[in-house]
Structures are given as C-alpha cells and as structure tokens.
PDB file of N, CA and C in Angstrom:
ATOM      1  N   MET A   1     187.911  17.236 116.310  1.00  0.00           N
ATOM      2  CA  MET A   1     188.769  17.439 117.464  1.00  0.00           C
ATOM      3  C   MET A   1     187.990  17.062 118.717  1.00  0.00           C
ATOM      4  N   GLY A   2     188.669  16.917 119.790  1.00  0.00           N
ATOM      5  CA  GLY A   2     188.069  16.484 121.039  1.00  0.00           C
ATOM      6  C   GLY A   2     187.270  17.576 121.705  1.00  0.00           C
ATOM      7  N   GLU A   3     186.716  17.242 122.846  1.00  0.00           N
ATOM      8  CA  GLU A   3     185.881  18.193 123.554  1.00  0.00           C
ATOM      9  C   GLU A   3     186.698  19.207 124.357  1.00  0.00           C
ATOM     10  N   HIS A   4     187.982  18.957 124.514  1.00  0.00           N
ATOM     11  CA  HIS A   4     188.849  19.857 125.263  1.00  0.00           C
ATOM     12  C   HIS A   4     189.592  20.761 124.292  1.00  0.00           C
ATOM     13  N   ALA A   5     189.654  22.041 124.623  1.00  0.00           N
ATOM     14  CA  ALA A   5     190.406  22.968 123.783  1.00  0.00           C
ATOM     15  C   ALA A   5     191.886  22.888 124.149  1.00  0.00           C
ATOM     16  N   HIS A   6     192.714  22.988 123.131  1.00  0.00           N
ATOM     17  CA  HIS A   6     194.151  22.994 123.384  1.00  0.00           C
ATOM     18  C   HIS A   6     194.516  24.277 124.123  1.00  0.00           C
ATOM     19  N   PRO A   7     195.389  24.182 125.128  1.00  0.00           N
ATOM     20  CA  PRO A   7     195.797  25.397 125.823  1.00  0.00           C
ATOM     21  C   PRO A   7     196.674  26.253 124.912  1.00  0.00           C
ATOM     22  N   THR A   8     196.619  27.537 125.123  1.00  0.00           N
ATOM     23  CA  THR A   8     197.442  28.436 124.331  1.00  0.00           C
ATOM     24  C   THR A   8     198.582  28.957 125.186  1.00  0.00           C
ATOM     25  N   GLY A   9     199.623  29.392 124.548  1.00  0.00           N
ATOM     26  CA  GLY A   9     200.775  29.906 125.269  1.00  0.00           C
ATOM     27  C   GLY A   9     201.652  28.780 125.797  1.00  0.00           C
ATOM     28  N   THR A  10     202.620  29.167 126.599  1.00  0.00           N
ATOM     29  CA  THR A  10     203.566  28.184 127.132  1.00  0.00           C
ATOM     30  C   THR A  10     203.436  27.977 128.635  1.00  0.00           C
ATOM     31  N   ALA A  11     202.506  28.649 129.273  1.00  0.00           N
ATOM     32  CA  ALA A  11     202.376  28.528 130.732  1.00  0.00           C
ATOM     33  C   ALA A  11     202.050  27.085 131.140  1.00  0.00           C
ATOM     34  N   TRP A  12     201.218  26.409 130.371  1.00  0.00           N
ATOM     35  CA  TRP A  12     200.850  25.036 130.716  1.00  0.00           C
ATOM     36  C   TRP A  12     202.048  24.106 130.619  1.00  0.00           C
ATOM     37  N   ILE A  13     202.931  24.344 129.652  1.00  0.00           N
ATOM     38  CA  ILE A  13     204.121  23.512 129.531  1.00  0.00           C
ATOM     39  C   ILE A  13     204.993  23.667 130.760  1.00  0.00           C
ATOM     40  N   TRP A  14     205.144  24.893 131.228  1.00  0.00           N
ATOM     41  CA  TRP A  14     205.987  25.137 132.403  1.00  0.00           C
ATOM     42  C   TRP A  14     205.376  24.532 133.663  1.00  0.00           C
ATOM     43  N   LYS A  15     204.049  24.577 133.777  1.00  0.00           N
ATOM     44  CA  LYS A  15     203.400  23.950 134.938  1.00  0.00           C
ATOM     45  C   LYS A  15     203.675  22.444 134.961  1.00  0.00           C
ATOM     46  N   ILE A  16     203.521  21.797 133.812  1.00  0.00           N
ATOM     47  CA  ILE A  16     203.782  20.359 133.726  1.00  0.00           C
ATOM     48  C   ILE A  16     205.260  20.079 133.967  1.00  0.00           C
ATOM     49  N   PHE A  17     206.142  20.917 133.417  1.00  0.00           N
ATOM     50  CA  PHE A  17     207.581  20.747 133.636  1.00  0.00           C
ATOM     51  C   PHE A  17     207.915  20.789 135.119  1.00  0.00           C
ATOM     52  N   TRP A  18     207.415  21.788 135.829  1.00  0.00           N
ATOM     53  CA  TRP A  18     207.739  21.912 137.258  1.00  0.00           C
ATOM     54  C   TRP A  18     207.142  20.765 138.062  1.00  0.00           C
ATOM     55  N   LEU A  19     205.960  20.319 137.679  1.00  0.00           N
ATOM     56  CA  LEU A  19     205.358  19.175 138.370  1.00  0.00           C
ATOM     57  C   LEU A  19     206.197  17.917 138.161  1.00  0.00           C
ATOM     58  N   LEU A  20     206.599  17.647 136.913  1.00  0.00           N
ATOM     59  CA  LEU A  20     207.420  16.478 136.632  1.00  0.00           C
ATOM     60  C   LEU A  20     208.785  16.587 137.302  1.00  0.00           C
ATOM     61  N   LEU A  21     209.341  17.794 137.354  1.00  0.00           N
ATOM     62  CA  LEU A  21     210.625  18.005 138.027  1.00  0.00           C
ATOM     63  C   LEU A  21     210.497  17.737 139.526  1.00  0.00           C
ATOM     64  N   ALA A  22     209.399  18.189 140.128  1.00  0.00           N
ATOM     65  CA  ALA A  22     209.191  17.958 141.562  1.00  0.00           C
ATOM     66  C   ALA A  22     209.048  16.464 141.862  1.00  0.00           C
ATOM     67  N   ILE A  23     208.307  15.755 141.040  1.00  0.00           N
ATOM     68  CA  ILE A  23     208.145  14.314 141.255  1.00  0.00           C
ATOM     69  C   ILE A  23     209.494  13.615 141.107  1.00  0.00           C
ATOM     70  N   THR A  24     210.260  14.007 140.096  1.00  0.00           N
ATOM     71  CA  THR A  24     211.584  13.415 139.899  1.00  0.00           C
ATOM     72  C   THR A  24     212.500  13.721 141.075  1.00  0.00           C
ATOM     73  N   ALA A  25     212.440  14.951 141.591  1.00  0.00           N
ATOM     74  CA  ALA A  25     213.270  15.318 142.744  1.00  0.00           C
ATOM     75  C   ALA A  25     212.907  14.477 143.964  1.00  0.00           C
ATOM     76  N   VAL A  26     211.620  14.235 144.180  1.00  0.00           N
ATOM     77  CA  VAL A  26     211.190  13.385 145.297  1.00  0.00           C
ATOM     78  C   VAL A  26     211.737  11.975 145.113  1.00  0.00           C
ATOM     79  N   GLU A  27     211.662  11.458 143.885  1.00  0.00           N
ATOM     80  CA  GLU A  27     212.191  10.115 143.621  1.00  0.00           C
ATOM     81  C   GLU A  27     213.693  10.048 143.880  1.00  0.00           C
ATOM     82  N   VAL A  28     214.428  11.063 143.438  1.00  0.00           N
ATOM     83  CA  VAL A  28     215.879  11.069 143.632  1.00  0.00           C
ATOM     84  C   VAL A  28     216.224  11.145 145.109  1.00  0.00           C
ATOM     85  N   VAL A  29     215.549  12.021 145.843  1.00  0.00           N
ATOM     86  CA  VAL A  29     215.820  12.158 147.279  1.00  0.00           C
ATOM     87  C   VAL A  29     215.495  10.860 148.006  1.00  0.00           C
ATOM     88  N   LEU A  30     214.363  10.251 147.695  1.00  0.00           N
ATOM     89  CA  LEU A  30     214.017   8.973 148.329  1.00  0.00           C
ATOM     90  C   LEU A  30     215.016   7.886 147.966  1.00  0.00           C
ATOM     91  N   GLY A  31     215.515   7.905 146.723  1.00  0.00           N
ATOM     92  CA  GLY A  31     216.500   6.912 146.307  1.00  0.00           C
ATOM     93  C   GLY A  31     217.834   7.090 147.013  1.00  0.00           C
ATOM     94  N   ILE A  32     218.195   8.313 147.334  1.00  0.00           N
ATOM     95  CA  ILE A  32     219.457   8.572 148.021  1.00  0.00           C
ATOM     96  C   ILE A  32     219.329   8.304 149.515  1.00  0.00           C
ATOM     97  N   VAL A  33     218.262   8.819 150.116  1.00  0.00           N
ATOM     98  CA  VAL A  33     218.092   8.728 151.570  1.00  0.00           C
ATOM     99  C   VAL A  33     217.646   7.331 152.000  1.00  0.00           C
ATOM    100  N   LYS A  34     216.723   6.722 151.276  1.00  0.00           N
ATOM    101  CA  LYS A  34     216.142   5.414 151.597  1.00  0.00           C
ATOM    102  C   LYS A  34     215.736   5.315 153.067  1.00  0.00           C
ATOM    103  N   PRO A  35     214.676   6.044 153.454  1.00  0.00           N
ATOM    104  CA  PRO A  35     214.242   6.030 154.853  1.00  0.00           C
ATOM    105  C   PRO A  35     213.905   4.623 155.328  1.00  0.00           C
ATOM    106  N   GLU A  36     214.317   4.307 156.541  1.00  0.00           N
ATOM    107  CA  GLU A  36     214.106   2.966 157.096  1.00  0.00           C
ATOM    108  C   GLU A  36     212.630   2.610 157.236  1.00  0.00           C
ATOM    109  N   PHE A  37     211.792   3.601 157.558  1.00  0.00           N
ATOM    110  CA  PHE A  37     210.373   3.289 157.752  1.00  0.00           C
ATOM    111  C   PHE A  37     209.689   2.932 156.423  1.00  0.00           C
ATOM    112  N   LEU A  38     210.317   3.233 155.283  1.00  0.00           N
ATOM    113  CA  LEU A  38     209.775   2.843 153.984  1.00  0.00           C
ATOM    114  C   LEU A  38     210.373   1.535 153.466  1.00  0.00           C
ATOM    115  N   MET A  39     211.289   0.963 154.218  1.00  0.00           N
ATOM    116  CA  MET A  39     211.929  -0.283 153.775  1.00  0.00           C
ATOM    117  C   MET A  39     211.185  -1.520 154.267  1.00  0.00           C
ATOM    118  N   VAL A  40     210.048  -1.342 154.921  1.00  0.00           N
ATOM    119  CA  VAL A  40     209.259  -2.477 155.398  1.00  0.00           C
ATOM    120  C   VAL A  40     208.667  -3.222 154.201  1.00  0.00           C
ATOM    121  N   GLN A  41     208.501  -4.518 154.345  1.00  0.00           N
ATOM    122  CA  GLN A  41     207.959  -5.338 153.269  1.00  0.00           C
ATOM    123  C   GLN A  41     206.446  -5.153 153.175  1.00  0.00           C
ATOM    124  N   PHE A  42     205.992  -4.961 151.956  1.00  0.00           N
ATOM    125  CA  PHE A  42     204.570  -4.788 151.700  1.00  0.00           C
ATOM    126  C   PHE A  42     204.287  -5.353 150.309  1.00  0.00           C
ATOM    127  N   ALA A  43     203.370  -6.262 150.198  1.00  0.00           N
ATOM    128  CA  ALA A  43     202.958  -6.869 148.925  1.00  0.00           C
ATOM    129  C   ALA A  43     204.142  -7.462 148.177  1.00  0.00           C
ATOM    130  N   GLY A  44     205.056  -8.077 148.880  1.00  0.00           N
ATOM    131  CA  GLY A  44     206.176  -8.756 148.248  1.00  0.00           C
ATOM    132  C   GLY A  44     207.380  -7.898 147.957  1.00  0.00           C
ATOM    133  N   THR A  45     207.315  -6.627 148.225  1.00  0.00           N
ATOM    134  CA  THR A  45     208.447  -5.726 148.000  1.00  0.00           C
ATOM    135  C   THR A  45     208.421  -4.637 149.062  1.00  0.00           C
ATOM    136  N   SER A  46     209.410  -3.766 149.035  1.00  0.00           N
ATOM    137  CA  SER A  46     209.432  -2.706 150.045  1.00  0.00           C
ATOM    138  C   SER A  46     208.423  -1.616 149.691  1.00  0.00           C
ATOM    139  N   LEU A  47     207.975  -0.928 150.694  1.00  0.00           N
ATOM    140  CA  LEU A  47     207.045   0.173 150.494  1.00  0.00           C
ATOM    141  C   LEU A  47     207.690   1.261 149.637  1.00  0.00           C
ATOM    142  N   LEU A  48     208.996   1.413 149.746  1.00  0.00           N
ATOM    143  CA  LEU A  48     209.715   2.395 148.941  1.00  0.00           C
ATOM    144  C   LEU A  48     209.596   2.065 147.450  1.00  0.00           C
ATOM    145  N   ASN A  49     209.714   0.796 147.090  1.00  0.00           N
ATOM    146  CA  ASN A  49     209.559   0.409 145.678  1.00  0.00           C
ATOM    147  C   ASN A  49     208.157   0.692 145.170  1.00  0.00           C
ATOM    148  N   ILE A  50     207.160   0.475 145.992  1.00  0.00           N
ATOM    149  CA  ILE A  50     205.783   0.753 145.591  1.00  0.00           C
ATOM    150  C   ILE A  50     205.587   2.248 145.381  1.00  0.00           C
ATOM    151  N   ILE A  51     206.211   3.065 146.228  1.00  0.00           N
ATOM    152  CA  ILE A  51     206.136   4.516 146.059  1.00  0.00           C
ATOM    153  C   ILE A  51     206.810   4.922 144.749  1.00  0.00           C
ATOM    154  N   PHE A  52     207.974   4.325 144.445  1.00  0.00           N
ATOM    155  CA  PHE A  52     208.648   4.612 143.183  1.00  0.00           C
ATOM    156  C   PHE A  52     207.768   4.251 141.990  1.00  0.00           C
ATOM    157  N   ILE A  53     207.133   3.100 142.043  1.00  0.00           N
ATOM    158  CA  ILE A  53     206.262   2.662 140.953  1.00  0.00           C
ATOM    159  C   ILE A  53     205.107   3.644 140.784  1.00  0.00           C
ATOM    160  N   GLY A  54     204.487   4.030 141.881  1.00  0.00           N
ATOM    161  CA  GLY A  54     203.373   4.976 141.817  1.00  0.00           C
ATOM    162  C   GLY A  54     203.776   6.327 141.251  1.00  0.00           C
ATOM    163  N   LEU A  55     204.904   6.871 141.716  1.00  0.00           N
ATOM    164  CA  LEU A  55     205.367   8.160 141.212  1.00  0.00           C
ATOM    165  C   LEU A  55     205.726   8.086 139.729  1.00  0.00           C
ATOM    166  N   THR A  56     206.319   6.987 139.320  1.00  0.00           N
ATOM    167  CA  THR A  56     206.663   6.818 137.913  1.00  0.00           C
ATOM    168  C   THR A  56     205.413   6.730 137.048  1.00  0.00           C
ATOM    169  N   LEU A  57     204.387   6.056 137.533  1.00  0.00           N
ATOM    170  CA  LEU A  57     203.133   5.979 136.781  1.00  0.00           C
ATOM    171  C   LEU A  57     202.459   7.339 136.672  1.00  0.00           C
ATOM    172  N   VAL A  58     202.551   8.150 137.733  1.00  0.00           N
ATOM    173  CA  VAL A  58     201.997   9.505 137.683  1.00  0.00           C
ATOM    174  C   VAL A  58     202.737  10.335 136.634  1.00  0.00           C
ATOM    175  N   LYS A  59     204.072  10.234 136.617  1.00  0.00           N
ATOM    176  CA  LYS A  59     204.841  10.964 135.603  1.00  0.00           C
ATOM    177  C   LYS A  59     204.476  10.491 134.198  1.00  0.00           C
ATOM    178  N   ALA A  60     204.371   9.197 134.008  1.00  0.00           N
ATOM    179  CA  ALA A  60     204.011   8.667 132.687  1.00  0.00           C
ATOM    180  C   ALA A  60     202.631   9.152 132.258  1.00  0.00           C
ATOM    181  N   ALA A  61     201.694   9.212 133.194  1.00  0.00           N
ATOM    182  CA  ALA A  61     200.344   9.672 132.863  1.00  0.00           C
ATOM    183  C   ALA A  61     200.355  11.130 132.413  1.00  0.00           C
ATOM    184  N   TYR A  62     201.100  11.979 133.101  1.00  0.00           N
ATOM    185  CA  TYR A  62     201.173  13.380 132.688  1.00  0.00           C
ATOM    186  C   TYR A  62     201.835  13.528 131.327  1.00  0.00           C
ATOM    187  N   ILE A  63     202.876  12.756 131.062  1.00  0.00           N
ATOM    188  CA  ILE A  63     203.547  12.834 129.771  1.00  0.00           C
ATOM    189  C   ILE A  63     202.595  12.409 128.654  1.00  0.00           C
ATOM    190  N   VAL A  64     201.864  11.326 128.871  1.00  0.00           N
ATOM    191  CA  VAL A  64     200.931  10.853 127.851  1.00  0.00           C
ATOM    192  C   VAL A  64     199.775  11.840 127.680  1.00  0.00           C
ATOM    193  N   MET A  65     199.256  12.372 128.766  1.00  0.00           N
ATOM    194  CA  MET A  65     198.111  13.269 128.672  1.00  0.00           C
ATOM    195  C   MET A  65     198.452  14.575 127.959  1.00  0.00           C
ATOM    196  N   TYR A  66     199.569  15.187 128.323  1.00  0.00           N
ATOM    197  CA  TYR A  66     199.845  16.517 127.806  1.00  0.00           C
ATOM    198  C   TYR A  66     200.783  16.530 126.611  1.00  0.00           C
ATOM    199  N   PHE A  67     201.877  15.807 126.662  1.00  0.00           N
ATOM    200  CA  PHE A  67     202.851  15.895 125.583  1.00  0.00           C
ATOM    201  C   PHE A  67     202.529  14.965 124.421  1.00  0.00           C
ATOM    202  N   MET A  68     201.700  13.960 124.660  1.00  0.00           N
ATOM    203  CA  MET A  68     201.233  13.118 123.560  1.00  0.00           C
ATOM    204  C   MET A  68     199.784  13.465 123.215  1.00  0.00           C
ATOM    205  N   HIS A  69     199.261  14.533 123.818  1.00  0.00           N
ATOM    206  CA  HIS A  69     197.973  15.152 123.496  1.00  0.00           C
ATOM    207  C   HIS A  69     196.758  14.261 123.729  1.00  0.00           C
ATOM    208  N   LEU A  70     196.864  13.262 124.577  1.00  0.00           N
ATOM    209  CA  LEU A  70     195.715  12.401 124.829  1.00  0.00           C
ATOM    210  C   LEU A  70     194.624  13.136 125.609  1.00  0.00           C
ATOM    211  N   LYS A  71     195.002  14.108 126.422  1.00  0.00           N
ATOM    212  CA  LYS A  71     194.018  14.851 127.202  1.00  0.00           C
ATOM    213  C   LYS A  71     193.041  15.609 126.295  1.00  0.00           C
ATOM    214  N   PHE A  72     193.465  15.906 125.084  1.00  0.00           N
ATOM    215  CA  PHE A  72     192.659  16.726 124.197  1.00  0.00           C
ATOM    216  C   PHE A  72     191.867  15.894 123.187  1.00  0.00           C
ATOM    217  N   GLU A  73     191.830  14.583 123.374  1.00  0.00           N
ATOM    218  CA  GLU A  73     191.084  13.703 122.488  1.00  0.00           C
ATOM    219  C   GLU A  73     189.697  13.426 123.063  1.00  0.00           C
ATOM    220  N   GLU A  74     188.893  12.730 122.280  1.00  0.00           N
ATOM    221  CA  GLU A  74     187.558  12.339 122.728  1.00  0.00           C
ATOM    222  C   GLU A  74     187.661  11.420 123.942  1.00  0.00           C
ATOM    223  N   THR A  75     186.653  11.454 124.784  1.00  0.00           N
ATOM    224  CA  THR A  75     186.650  10.651 126.006  1.00  0.00           C
ATOM    225  C   THR A  75     186.734   9.157 125.696  1.00  0.00           C
ATOM    226  N   PHE A  76     186.035   8.714 124.663  1.00  0.00           N
ATOM    227  CA  PHE A  76     186.065   7.292 124.311  1.00  0.00           C
ATOM    228  C   PHE A  76     187.473   6.857 123.931  1.00  0.00           C
ATOM    229  N   LEU A  77     188.181   7.671 123.169  1.00  0.00           N
ATOM    230  CA  LEU A  77     189.552   7.337 122.788  1.00  0.00           C
ATOM    231  C   LEU A  77     190.459   7.329 124.016  1.00  0.00           C
ATOM    232  N   GLN A  78     190.240   8.257 124.931  1.00  0.00           N
ATOM    233  CA  GLN A  78     191.027   8.273 126.161  1.00  0.00           C
ATOM    234  C   GLN A  78     190.864   6.960 126.921  1.00  0.00           C
ATOM    235  N   TRP A  79     189.622   6.513 127.076  1.00  0.00           N
ATOM    236  CA  TRP A  79     189.382   5.277 127.827  1.00  0.00           C
ATOM    237  C   TRP A  79     189.868   4.049 127.071  1.00  0.00           C
ATOM    238  N   THR A  80     189.936   4.132 125.744  1.00  0.00           N
ATOM    239  CA  THR A  80     190.489   3.036 124.962  1.00  0.00           C
ATOM    240  C   THR A  80     191.966   2.836 125.296  1.00  0.00           C
ATOM    241  N   ILE A  81     192.640   3.910 125.601  1.00  0.00           N
ATOM    242  CA  ILE A  81     194.050   3.836 125.977  1.00  0.00           C
ATOM    243  C   ILE A  81     194.199   3.538 127.469  1.00  0.00           C
ATOM    244  N   TYR A  82     193.418   4.228 128.307  1.00  0.00           N
ATOM    245  CA  TYR A  82     193.584   4.120 129.763  1.00  0.00           C
ATOM    246  C   TYR A  82     193.193   2.760 130.312  1.00  0.00           C
ATOM    247  N   LEU A  83     192.103   2.183 129.844  1.00  0.00           N
ATOM    248  CA  LEU A  83     191.578   0.959 130.454  1.00  0.00           C
ATOM    249  C   LEU A  83     192.552  -0.210 130.363  1.00  0.00           C
ATOM    250  N   PRO A  84     193.115  -0.521 129.204  1.00  0.00           N
ATOM    251  CA  PRO A  84     194.094  -1.616 129.194  1.00  0.00           C
ATOM    252  C   PRO A  84     195.297  -1.335 130.089  1.00  0.00           C
ATOM    253  N   VAL A  85     195.722  -0.094 130.129  1.00  0.00           N
ATOM    254  CA  VAL A  85     196.863   0.266 130.977  1.00  0.00           C
ATOM    255  C   VAL A  85     196.505   0.082 132.449  1.00  0.00           C
ATOM    256  N   LEU A  86     195.309   0.507 132.834  1.00  0.00           N
ATOM    257  CA  LEU A  86     194.883   0.380 134.236  1.00  0.00           C
ATOM    258  C   LEU A  86     194.714  -1.072 134.655  1.00  0.00           C
ATOM    259  N   ILE A  87     194.466  -1.955 133.705  1.00  0.00           N
ATOM    260  CA  ILE A  87     194.332  -3.384 134.015  1.00  0.00           C
ATOM    261  C   ILE A  87     195.682  -4.087 133.919  1.00  0.00           C
ATOM    262  N   LEU A  88     196.438  -3.807 132.867  1.00  0.00           N
ATOM    263  CA  LEU A  88     197.673  -4.556 132.615  1.00  0.00           C
ATOM    264  C   LEU A  88     198.817  -4.195 133.562  1.00  0.00           C
ATOM    265  N   ILE A  89     198.990  -2.935 133.865  1.00  0.00           N
ATOM    266  CA  ILE A  89     200.122  -2.562 134.718  1.00  0.00           C
ATOM    267  C   ILE A  89     200.015  -3.188 136.107  1.00  0.00           C
ATOM    268  N   PRO A  90     198.879  -3.086 136.811  1.00  0.00           N
ATOM    269  CA  PRO A  90     198.817  -3.768 138.112  1.00  0.00           C
ATOM    270  C   PRO A  90     198.971  -5.282 137.993  1.00  0.00           C
ATOM    271  N   TYR A  91     198.422  -5.878 136.940  1.00  0.00           N
ATOM    272  CA  TYR A  91     198.548  -7.321 136.740  1.00  0.00           C
ATOM    273  C   TYR A  91     200.000  -7.729 136.534  1.00  0.00           C
ATOM    274  N   LEU A  92     200.697  -7.023 135.655  1.00  0.00           N
ATOM    275  CA  LEU A  92     202.102  -7.339 135.400  1.00  0.00           C
ATOM    276  C   LEU A  92     202.972  -7.074 136.620  1.00  0.00           C
ATOM    277  N   LEU A  93     202.677  -6.008 137.361  1.00  0.00           N
ATOM    278  CA  LEU A  93     203.428  -5.732 138.588  1.00  0.00           C
ATOM    279  C   LEU A  93     203.206  -6.838 139.615  1.00  0.00           C
ATOM    280  N   PHE A  94     201.976  -7.308 139.718  1.00  0.00           N
ATOM    281  CA  PHE A  94     201.691  -8.399 140.646  1.00  0.00           C
ATOM    282  C   PHE A  94     202.493  -9.643 140.269  1.00  0.00           C
ATOM    283  N   ILE A  95     202.513  -9.961 138.977  1.00  0.00           N
ATOM    284  CA  ILE A  95     203.268 -11.139 138.530  1.00  0.00           C
ATOM    285  C   ILE A  95     204.750 -10.969 138.848  1.00  0.00           C
ATOM    286  N   LEU A  96     205.304  -9.803 138.518  1.00  0.00           N
ATOM    287  CA  LEU A  96     206.726  -9.564 138.769  1.00  0.00           C
ATOM    288  C   LEU A  96     207.071  -9.651 140.248  1.00  0.00           C
ATOM    289  N   ILE A  97     206.257  -9.040 141.086  1.00  0.00           N
ATOM    290  CA  ILE A  97     206.542  -9.031 142.520  1.00  0.00           C
ATOM    291  C   ILE A  97     206.351 -10.422 143.116  1.00  0.00           C
ATOM    292  N   ALA A  98     205.278 -11.099 142.747  1.00  0.00           N
ATOM    293  CA  ALA A  98     205.020 -12.427 143.303  1.00  0.00           C
ATOM    294  C   ALA A  98     206.076 -13.433 142.863  1.00  0.00           C
ATOM    295  N   GLU A  99     206.404 -13.438 141.576  1.00  0.00           N
ATOM    296  CA  GLU A  99     207.420 -14.387 141.093  1.00  0.00           C
ATOM    297  C   GLU A  99     208.807 -14.032 141.627  1.00  0.00           C
ATOM    298  N   GLY A 100     209.100 -12.750 141.725  1.00  0.00           N
ATOM    299  CA  GLY A 100     210.386 -12.348 142.292  1.00  0.00           C
ATOM    300  C   GLY A 100     210.517 -12.765 143.737  1.00  0.00           C
ATOM    301  N   ALA A 101     209.425 -12.666 144.486  1.00  0.00           N
ATOM    302  CA  ALA A 101     209.447 -13.079 145.890  1.00  0.00           C
ATOM    303  C   ALA A 101     209.664 -14.584 145.988  1.00  0.00           C
ATOM    304  N   GLN A 102     209.085 -15.349 145.079  1.00  0.00           N
ATOM    305  CA  GLN A 102     209.266 -16.805 145.089  1.00  0.00           C
ATOM    306  C   GLN A 102     210.694 -17.192 144.729  1.00  0.00           C
ATOM    307  N   ILE A 103     211.291 -16.477 143.801  1.00  0.00           N
ATOM    308  CA  ILE A 103     212.680 -16.779 143.404  1.00  0.00           C
ATOM    309  C   ILE A 103     213.631 -16.509 144.555  1.00  0.00           C
ATOM    310  N   TYR A 104     213.473 -15.380 145.216  1.00  0.00           N
ATOM    311  CA  TYR A 104     214.386 -15.026 146.292  1.00  0.00           C
ATOM    312  C   TYR A 104     214.071 -15.728 147.607  1.00  0.00           C
ATOM    313  N   ALA A 105     212.869 -16.303 147.727  1.00  0.00           N
ATOM    314  CA  ALA A 105     212.509 -17.031 148.941  1.00  0.00           C
ATOM    315  C   ALA A 105     213.156 -18.421 148.930  1.00  0.00           C
ATOM    316  N   ALA A 106     213.426 -18.952 147.765  1.00  0.00           N
ATOM    317  CA  ALA A 106     213.962 -20.309 147.663  1.00  0.00           C
ATOM    318  C   ALA A 106     215.435 -20.375 147.982  1.00  0.00           C
TER     319      ALA A 106
END
C-alpha cells in the first residue's frame, strides 16, 4: 500500500463533496452572469473560458485523487499519472485555442 493512510469515516467524503459543489456553483453562476470584465480576450479565448477550464481541472484532480484513490498510492505512481496530464492538457488546450482562433479569424 502507499505511504498515505486511507481516511476513516465519512467526514472526508463530505468535505470533498462540499468543495466540488462549491466549485460547480461558482461555474454555474459565472456561466449565467458572464461578467463583462471576464469577457476580455486572453490567449486566444475569453478569460471566462480559461477560468472554466481551470476550475474543471481542479474538480477533475480532486475526483481522481480521492474517489479513484490516487492520493493513497505511492508517489512514483502518482507522478506517472500526473506528469503526462500536466504536459498533455496544456498542450492540447493550446492547440485547440490557437487553431480555433485561426478558423474564426478567417
């Protein structure tokens, strides 16, 4: 087993639930309100889209860490999963944003 002990009880599940619910609520409110100061263009897309991407990645990280039990594995195994994700997601996002900007610019 990994170097981290599994938490006991259900308190940790509720903490993660409330955190994920709060992040989702922020995303929903931002999606409904769409503040004008976040609609400025940044890196080929609006700042609001970048915030959505960041919040979604945070939610995905918590789900993978706690509900898929990656947090409780060996550090080497954790980095085997994290490193490709940390490299590929920004790379793919850059490609999507750059190519999308070129398509809509034409």
